[in-house]
Amino acid sequence: MSVETWCLYFAAVFLLSGTPGPNMLHVLSRSVRFGFRRSTAAMLGCGLAVVVALIASAAGLAAVLTASPLLFEIIRYAGVAYLVWLGIKAWMDKGEDAGIRPDGTPIGMSALALFRGGFLVSITNPKLLLFAAAFLPQFINQSAPKFPQFAILIVTFAAIETFWYAMYGLGGQKLAVYLKKPALNKLFNRLTGTLFFGFGFMLLKAKH
């Protein structure tokens, strides 16, 4: 592909990735609760799921979902259920702490659990596969070898996603300073839960 095509792709992905969605909200909430350094496990989970989805789309899995409405619906309902569960968990959080003990050590989830949570938020969205299938080919030069081009597009997408995860993570860490009061922390959790419910509803209403 030409440099001009890559620059156009970079700009489009940069704007799309920076738009708040389930992944960014999840990273933000994990950073508020566990701090930036601990939330990198959730970022890695989200990022790996995005790369897997992009590779799967390039390999033709999106076409399988398009041809199999049942499989699409199974993944979609799994995604809805997980987002709703995250919303319920956030609403049930009493906001009594921000995930840090008085001695500065983190409370609760292991790095593996944070990674798994981030991965599940992203991988259970079948619309990501269909989006990638419709979006990536627009930047492919059909007269040139396709594998190197897909590799460049996927690596670029992953790098931009990583940048935005870091921005949301740092934002969450700064926001946590203002959420030390239980009442404000509880309000943040309720708002986060409501947004997860909203994303779940949007995925539920999504048409194949």
C-alpha atoms as a PDB file:
ATOM      1  CA  MET A   1       0.000   0.000   0.000  1.00  0.00           C
ATOM      2  CA  SER A   2       1.067   3.591  -0.495  1.00  0.00           C
ATOM      3  CA  VAL A   3       2.210   5.868   2.322  1.00  0.00           C
ATOM      4  CA  GLU A   4      -0.855   8.038   1.695  1.00  0.00           C
ATOM      5  CA  THR A   5      -3.168   5.047   2.179  1.00  0.00           C
ATOM      6  CA  TRP A   6      -1.415   4.080   5.409  1.00  0.00           C
ATOM      7  CA  CYS A   7      -1.676   7.652   6.737  1.00  0.00           C
ATOM      8  CA  LEU A   8      -5.396   7.694   5.978  1.00  0.00           C
ATOM      9  CA  TYR A   9      -5.799   4.347   7.751  1.00  0.00           C
ATOM     10  CA  PHE A  10      -3.781   5.601  10.739  1.00  0.00           C
ATOM     11  CA  ALA A  11      -5.965   8.702  11.088  1.00  0.00           C
ATOM     12  CA  ALA A  12      -9.202   6.711  10.818  1.00  0.00           C
ATOM     13  CA  VAL A  13      -8.127   4.084  13.363  1.00  0.00           C
ATOM     14  CA  PHE A  14      -6.768   6.755  15.723  1.00  0.00           C
ATOM     15  CA  LEU A  15     -10.152   8.475  15.855  1.00  0.00           C
ATOM     16  CA  LEU A  16     -12.145   5.235  16.035  1.00  0.00           C
ATOM     17  CA  SER A  17     -10.003   3.690  18.775  1.00  0.00           C
ATOM     18  CA  GLY A  18     -10.080   6.832  20.905  1.00  0.00           C
ATOM     19  CA  THR A  19     -13.875   6.842  20.974  1.00  0.00           C
ATOM     20  CA  PRO A  20     -15.152   5.582  24.360  1.00  0.00           C
ATOM     21  CA  GLY A  21     -16.409   2.006  24.206  1.00  0.00           C
ATOM     22  CA  PRO A  22     -16.479  -1.154  26.349  1.00  0.00           C
ATOM     23  CA  ASN A  23     -12.720  -1.703  26.095  1.00  0.00           C
ATOM     24  CA  MET A  24     -11.772   1.852  27.049  1.00  0.00           C
ATOM     25  CA  LEU A  25     -14.333   1.965  29.843  1.00  0.00           C
ATOM     26  CA  HIS A  26     -13.023  -1.317  31.217  1.00  0.00           C
ATOM     27  CA  VAL A  27      -9.417  -0.063  31.166  1.00  0.00           C
ATOM     28  CA  LEU A  28     -10.469   3.207  32.813  1.00  0.00           C
ATOM     29  CA  SER A  29     -12.395   1.462  35.591  1.00  0.00           C
ATOM     30  CA  ARG A  30      -9.587  -1.045  36.253  1.00  0.00           C
ATOM     31  CA  SER A  31      -7.066   1.801  36.488  1.00  0.00           C
ATOM     32  CA  VAL A  32      -9.276   3.727  38.908  1.00  0.00           C
ATOM     33  CA  ARG A  33      -9.566   0.683  41.143  1.00  0.00           C
ATOM     34  CA  PHE A  34      -6.119  -0.913  40.864  1.00  0.00           C
ATOM     35  CA  GLY A  35      -3.839   1.817  39.520  1.00  0.00           C
ATOM     36  CA  PHE A  36      -2.156   2.186  36.147  1.00  0.00           C
ATOM     37  CA  ARG A  37       0.554  -0.430  36.634  1.00  0.00           C
ATOM     38  CA  ARG A  38      -1.852  -3.172  37.718  1.00  0.00           C
ATOM     39  CA  SER A  39      -4.371  -2.282  35.015  1.00  0.00           C
ATOM     40  CA  THR A  40      -1.814  -3.010  32.283  1.00  0.00           C
ATOM     41  CA  ALA A  41      -2.870  -6.667  32.609  1.00  0.00           C
ATOM     42  CA  ALA A  42      -6.411  -5.668  31.589  1.00  0.00           C
ATOM     43  CA  MET A  43      -4.968  -3.596  28.732  1.00  0.00           C
ATOM     44  CA  LEU A  44      -3.002  -6.611  27.502  1.00  0.00           C
ATOM     45  CA  GLY A  45      -6.146  -8.738  27.621  1.00  0.00           C
ATOM     46  CA  CYS A  46      -8.176  -6.229  25.613  1.00  0.00           C
ATOM     47  CA  GLY A  47      -5.325  -5.733  23.161  1.00  0.00           C
ATOM     48  CA  LEU A  48      -4.755  -9.435  22.579  1.00  0.00           C
ATOM     49  CA  ALA A  49      -8.461  -9.963  21.906  1.00  0.00           C
ATOM     50  CA  VAL A  50      -8.457  -7.143  19.344  1.00  0.00           C
ATOM     51  CA  VAL A  51      -5.420  -8.635  17.565  1.00  0.00           C
ATOM     52  CA  VAL A  52      -7.004 -12.102  17.596  1.00  0.00           C
ATOM     53  CA  ALA A  53     -10.219 -10.659  16.134  1.00  0.00           C
ATOM     54  CA  LEU A  54      -8.343  -8.784  13.422  1.00  0.00           C
ATOM     55  CA  ILE A  55      -6.317 -11.852  12.456  1.00  0.00           C
ATOM     56  CA  ALA A  56      -9.437 -14.023  12.495  1.00  0.00           C
ATOM     57  CA  SER A  57     -11.252 -11.517  10.314  1.00  0.00           C
ATOM     58  CA  ALA A  58      -8.375 -11.425   7.838  1.00  0.00           C
ATOM     59  CA  ALA A  59      -8.397 -15.241   7.830  1.00  0.00           C
ATOM     60  CA  GLY A  60     -12.083 -15.333   6.945  1.00  0.00           C
ATOM     61  CA  LEU A  61     -13.812 -16.008  10.267  1.00  0.00           C
ATOM     62  CA  ALA A  62     -16.017 -12.947   9.750  1.00  0.00           C
ATOM     63  CA  ALA A  63     -17.415 -14.641   6.643  1.00  0.00           C
ATOM     64  CA  VAL A  64     -18.241 -17.679   8.783  1.00  0.00           C
ATOM     65  CA  LEU A  65     -20.173 -15.490  11.232  1.00  0.00           C
ATOM     66  CA  THR A  66     -22.009 -13.835   8.355  1.00  0.00           C
ATOM     67  CA  ALA A  67     -22.970 -17.228   6.956  1.00  0.00           C
ATOM     68  CA  SER A  68     -23.945 -18.644  10.355  1.00  0.00           C
ATOM     69  CA  PRO A  69     -26.511 -16.451  12.127  1.00  0.00           C
ATOM     70  CA  LEU A  70     -26.728 -18.946  15.006  1.00  0.00           C
ATOM     71  CA  LEU A  71     -23.013 -18.704  15.799  1.00  0.00           C
ATOM     72  CA  PHE A  72     -23.184 -14.920  15.578  1.00  0.00           C
ATOM     73  CA  GLU A  73     -26.129 -14.842  17.982  1.00  0.00           C
ATOM     74  CA  ILE A  74     -24.408 -17.165  20.474  1.00  0.00           C
ATOM     75  CA  ILE A  75     -21.332 -14.914  20.614  1.00  0.00           C
ATOM     76  CA  ARG A  76     -23.462 -11.775  20.709  1.00  0.00           C
ATOM     77  CA  TYR A  77     -25.591 -12.959  23.638  1.00  0.00           C
ATOM     78  CA  ALA A  78     -22.449 -14.077  25.469  1.00  0.00           C
ATOM     79  CA  GLY A  79     -21.080 -10.563  25.003  1.00  0.00           C
ATOM     80  CA  VAL A  80     -24.315  -8.985  26.232  1.00  0.00           C
ATOM     81  CA  ALA A  81     -24.347 -11.235  29.297  1.00  0.00           C
ATOM     82  CA  TYR A  82     -20.755 -10.376  30.163  1.00  0.00           C
ATOM     83  CA  LEU A  83     -21.295  -6.621  29.829  1.00  0.00           C
ATOM     84  CA  VAL A  84     -24.427  -6.814  31.981  1.00  0.00           C
ATOM     85  CA  TRP A  85     -22.514  -8.851  34.566  1.00  0.00           C
ATOM     86  CA  LEU A  86     -19.808  -6.173  34.651  1.00  0.00           C
ATOM     87  CA  GLY A  87     -22.515  -3.571  35.117  1.00  0.00           C
ATOM     88  CA  ILE A  88     -24.039  -5.485  38.013  1.00  0.00           C
ATOM     89  CA  LYS A  89     -20.641  -5.914  39.657  1.00  0.00           C
ATOM     90  CA  ALA A  90     -19.994  -2.178  39.368  1.00  0.00           C
ATOM     91  CA  TRP A  91     -23.397  -1.326  40.843  1.00  0.00           C
ATOM     92  CA  MET A  92     -22.881  -3.723  43.742  1.00  0.00           C
ATOM     93  CA  ASP A  93     -19.474  -2.221  44.571  1.00  0.00           C
ATOM     94  CA  LYS A  94     -19.986  -0.176  47.732  1.00  0.00           C
ATOM     95  CA  GLY A  95     -17.202   2.248  46.898  1.00  0.00           C
ATOM     96  CA  GLU A  96     -15.452   1.733  50.194  1.00  0.00           C
ATOM     97  CA  ASP A  97     -11.974   1.654  48.695  1.00  0.00           C
ATOM     98  CA  ALA A  98     -10.131   2.211  45.461  1.00  0.00           C
ATOM     99  CA  GLY A  99      -8.445  -1.176  45.560  1.00  0.00           C
ATOM    100  CA  ILE A 100      -5.421  -0.102  47.624  1.00  0.00           C
ATOM    101  CA  ARG A 101      -4.689  -0.994  51.233  1.00  0.00           C
ATOM    102  CA  PRO A 102      -3.316   1.645  53.636  1.00  0.00           C
ATOM    103  CA  ASP A 103       0.172   0.190  53.181  1.00  0.00           C
ATOM    104  CA  GLY A 104      -0.059   0.753  49.434  1.00  0.00           C
ATOM    105  CA  THR A 105      -0.497  -2.879  48.363  1.00  0.00           C
ATOM    106  CA  PRO A 106      -3.315  -3.716  45.931  1.00  0.00           C
ATOM    107  CA  ILE A 107      -6.512  -5.456  46.983  1.00  0.00           C
ATOM    108  CA  GLY A 108      -8.262  -8.255  45.160  1.00  0.00           C
ATOM    109  CA  MET A 109      -7.828  -9.432  41.592  1.00  0.00           C
ATOM    110  CA  SER A 110      -4.704 -11.145  40.317  1.00  0.00           C
ATOM    111  CA  ALA A 111      -2.969 -10.064  37.125  1.00  0.00           C
ATOM    112  CA  LEU A 112      -4.355 -13.169  35.412  1.00  0.00           C
ATOM    113  CA  ALA A 113      -7.916 -12.278  36.438  1.00  0.00           C
ATOM    114  CA  LEU A 114      -7.453  -8.724  35.176  1.00  0.00           C
ATOM    115  CA  PHE A 115      -6.038 -10.033  31.896  1.00  0.00           C
ATOM    116  CA  ARG A 116      -8.899 -12.510  31.492  1.00  0.00           C
ATOM    117  CA  GLY A 117     -11.488  -9.829  32.190  1.00  0.00           C
ATOM    118  CA  GLY A 118     -10.038  -7.509  29.555  1.00  0.00           C
ATOM    119  CA  PHE A 119      -9.837 -10.321  27.017  1.00  0.00           C
ATOM    120  CA  LEU A 120     -13.467 -11.335  27.562  1.00  0.00           C
ATOM    121  CA  VAL A 121     -14.779  -7.769  27.237  1.00  0.00           C
ATOM    122  CA  SER A 122     -13.289  -7.516  23.758  1.00  0.00           C
ATOM    123  CA  ILE A 123     -13.515 -11.035  22.350  1.00  0.00           C
ATOM    124  CA  THR A 124     -17.248 -11.448  23.048  1.00  0.00           C
ATOM    125  CA  ASN A 125     -18.143  -8.658  20.627  1.00  0.00           C
ATOM    126  CA  PRO A 126     -18.826 -10.291  17.224  1.00  0.00           C
ATOM    127  CA  LYS A 127     -19.332  -6.866  15.656  1.00  0.00           C
ATOM    128  CA  LEU A 128     -15.563  -6.351  15.942  1.00  0.00           C
ATOM    129  CA  LEU A 129     -14.991  -9.213  13.488  1.00  0.00           C
ATOM    130  CA  LEU A 130     -17.544  -7.886  11.039  1.00  0.00           C
ATOM    131  CA  PHE A 131     -16.204  -4.351  11.362  1.00  0.00           C
ATOM    132  CA  ALA A 132     -12.669  -5.548  10.650  1.00  0.00           C
ATOM    133  CA  ALA A 133     -13.887  -7.546   7.659  1.00  0.00           C
ATOM    134  CA  ALA A 134     -15.540  -4.463   6.173  1.00  0.00           C
ATOM    135  CA  PHE A 135     -12.874  -1.932   7.207  1.00  0.00           C
ATOM    136  CA  LEU A 136      -9.462  -3.513   6.565  1.00  0.00           C
ATOM    137  CA  PRO A 137      -9.945  -4.512   2.878  1.00  0.00           C
ATOM    138  CA  GLN A 138     -10.618  -0.871   1.965  1.00  0.00           C
ATOM    139  CA  PHE A 139      -6.925  -0.139   2.564  1.00  0.00           C
ATOM    140  CA  ILE A 140      -5.552  -3.202   0.784  1.00  0.00           C
ATOM    141  CA  ASN A 141      -3.908  -2.873  -2.616  1.00  0.00           C
ATOM    142  CA  GLN A 142      -5.445  -5.814  -4.469  1.00  0.00           C
ATOM    143  CA  SER A 143      -2.606  -5.917  -7.014  1.00  0.00           C
ATOM    144  CA  ALA A 144       0.065  -6.434  -4.320  1.00  0.00           C
ATOM    145  CA  PRO A 145       0.687  -9.351  -1.909  1.00  0.00           C
ATOM    146  CA  LYS A 146      -2.022  -9.166   0.757  1.00  0.00           C
ATOM    147  CA  PHE A 147      -0.337 -10.839   3.742  1.00  0.00           C
ATOM    148  CA  PRO A 148       2.283  -8.091   4.343  1.00  0.00           C
ATOM    149  CA  GLN A 149      -0.415  -5.446   3.997  1.00  0.00           C
ATOM    150  CA  PHE A 150      -2.724  -7.119   6.520  1.00  0.00           C
ATOM    151  CA  ALA A 151       0.241  -7.506   8.877  1.00  0.00           C
ATOM    152  CA  ILE A 152       1.000  -3.773   8.650  1.00  0.00           C
ATOM    153  CA  LEU A 153      -2.652  -2.850   9.221  1.00  0.00           C
ATOM    154  CA  ILE A 154      -3.003  -5.160  12.225  1.00  0.00           C
ATOM    155  CA  VAL A 155       0.246  -4.011  13.857  1.00  0.00           C
ATOM    156  CA  THR A 156      -0.765  -0.384  13.311  1.00  0.00           C
ATOM    157  CA  PHE A 157      -4.193  -1.003  14.814  1.00  0.00           C
ATOM    158  CA  ALA A 158      -2.645  -2.737  17.830  1.00  0.00           C
ATOM    159  CA  ALA A 159      -0.157   0.100  18.396  1.00  0.00           C
ATOM    160  CA  ILE A 160      -2.902   2.733  18.294  1.00  0.00           C
ATOM    161  CA  GLU A 161      -5.113   0.693  20.635  1.00  0.00           C
ATOM    162  CA  THR A 162      -2.184   0.378  23.054  1.00  0.00           C
ATOM    163  CA  PHE A 163      -1.684   4.143  22.985  1.00  0.00           C
ATOM    164  CA  TRP A 164      -5.333   4.808  23.824  1.00  0.00           C
ATOM    165  CA  TYR A 165      -5.362   2.140  26.543  1.00  0.00           C
ATOM    166  CA  ALA A 166      -2.411   3.947  28.129  1.00  0.00           C
ATOM    167  CA  MET A 167      -4.209   7.301  27.883  1.00  0.00           C
ATOM    168  CA  TYR A 168      -7.382   5.944  29.471  1.00  0.00           C
ATOM    169  CA  GLY A 169      -5.323   4.094  32.075  1.00  0.00           C
ATOM    170  CA  LEU A 170      -3.427   7.245  33.040  1.00  0.00           C
ATOM    171  CA  GLY A 171      -6.703   9.143  33.092  1.00  0.00           C
ATOM    172  CA  GLY A 172      -8.169   6.538  35.441  1.00  0.00           C
ATOM    173  CA  GLN A 173      -5.181   6.789  37.747  1.00  0.00           C
ATOM    174  CA  LYS A 174      -5.550  10.578  37.950  1.00  0.00           C
ATOM    175  CA  LEU A 175      -9.294  10.263  38.434  1.00  0.00           C
ATOM    176  CA  ALA A 176      -8.759   7.890  41.361  1.00  0.00           C
ATOM    177  CA  VAL A 177      -7.260  10.790  43.346  1.00  0.00           C
ATOM    178  CA  TYR A 178     -10.690  12.452  43.347  1.00  0.00           C
ATOM    179  CA  LEU A 179     -12.527   9.236  44.211  1.00  0.00           C
ATOM    180  CA  LYS A 180     -10.988   8.554  47.590  1.00  0.00           C
ATOM    181  CA  LYS A 181     -14.234   9.481  49.315  1.00  0.00           C
ATOM    182  CA  PRO A 182     -16.498   6.403  49.439  1.00  0.00           C
ATOM    183  CA  ALA A 183     -19.523   8.388  48.262  1.00  0.00           C
ATOM    184  CA  LEU A 184     -17.741   9.636  45.118  1.00  0.00           C
ATOM    185  CA  ASN A 185     -16.227   6.215  44.453  1.00  0.00           C
ATOM    186  CA  LYS A 186     -19.668   4.661  44.748  1.00  0.00           C
ATOM    187  CA  LEU A 187     -21.104   7.248  42.346  1.00  0.00           C
ATOM    188  CA  PHE A 188     -18.340   6.469  39.837  1.00  0.00           C
ATOM    189  CA  ASN A 189     -19.078   2.748  40.116  1.00  0.00           C
ATOM    190  CA  ARG A 190     -22.795   3.368  39.525  1.00  0.00           C
ATOM    191  CA  LEU A 191     -22.018   5.479  36.453  1.00  0.00           C
ATOM    192  CA  THR A 192     -19.598   2.834  35.159  1.00  0.00           C
ATOM    193  CA  GLY A 193     -22.182   0.107  35.716  1.00  0.00           C
ATOM    194  CA  THR A 194     -24.824   2.108  33.872  1.00  0.00           C
ATOM    195  CA  LEU A 195     -22.503   2.578  30.899  1.00  0.00           C
ATOM    196  CA  PHE A 196     -21.779  -1.162  30.795  1.00  0.00           C
ATOM    197  CA  PHE A 197     -25.537  -1.786  30.799  1.00  0.00           C
ATOM    198  CA  GLY A 198     -25.812   0.688  27.919  1.00  0.00           C
ATOM    199  CA  PHE A 199     -23.095  -1.034  25.887  1.00  0.00           C
ATOM    200  CA  GLY A 200     -24.787  -4.375  26.555  1.00  0.00           C
ATOM    201  CA  PHE A 201     -28.111  -2.977  25.321  1.00  0.00           C
ATOM    202  CA  MET A 202     -26.449  -1.591  22.183  1.00  0.00           C
ATOM    203  CA  LEU A 203     -24.906  -4.994  21.453  1.00  0.00           C
ATOM    204  CA  LEU A 204     -28.266  -6.667  22.113  1.00  0.00           C
ATOM    205  CA  LYS A 205     -29.948  -4.376  19.582  1.00  0.00           C
ATOM    206  CA  ALA A 206     -27.184  -4.780  17.002  1.00  0.00           C
ATOM    207  CA  LYS A 207     -28.339  -6.330  13.756  1.00  0.00           C
ATOM    208  CA  HIS A 208     -26.380  -9.103  12.077  1.00  0.00           C
END
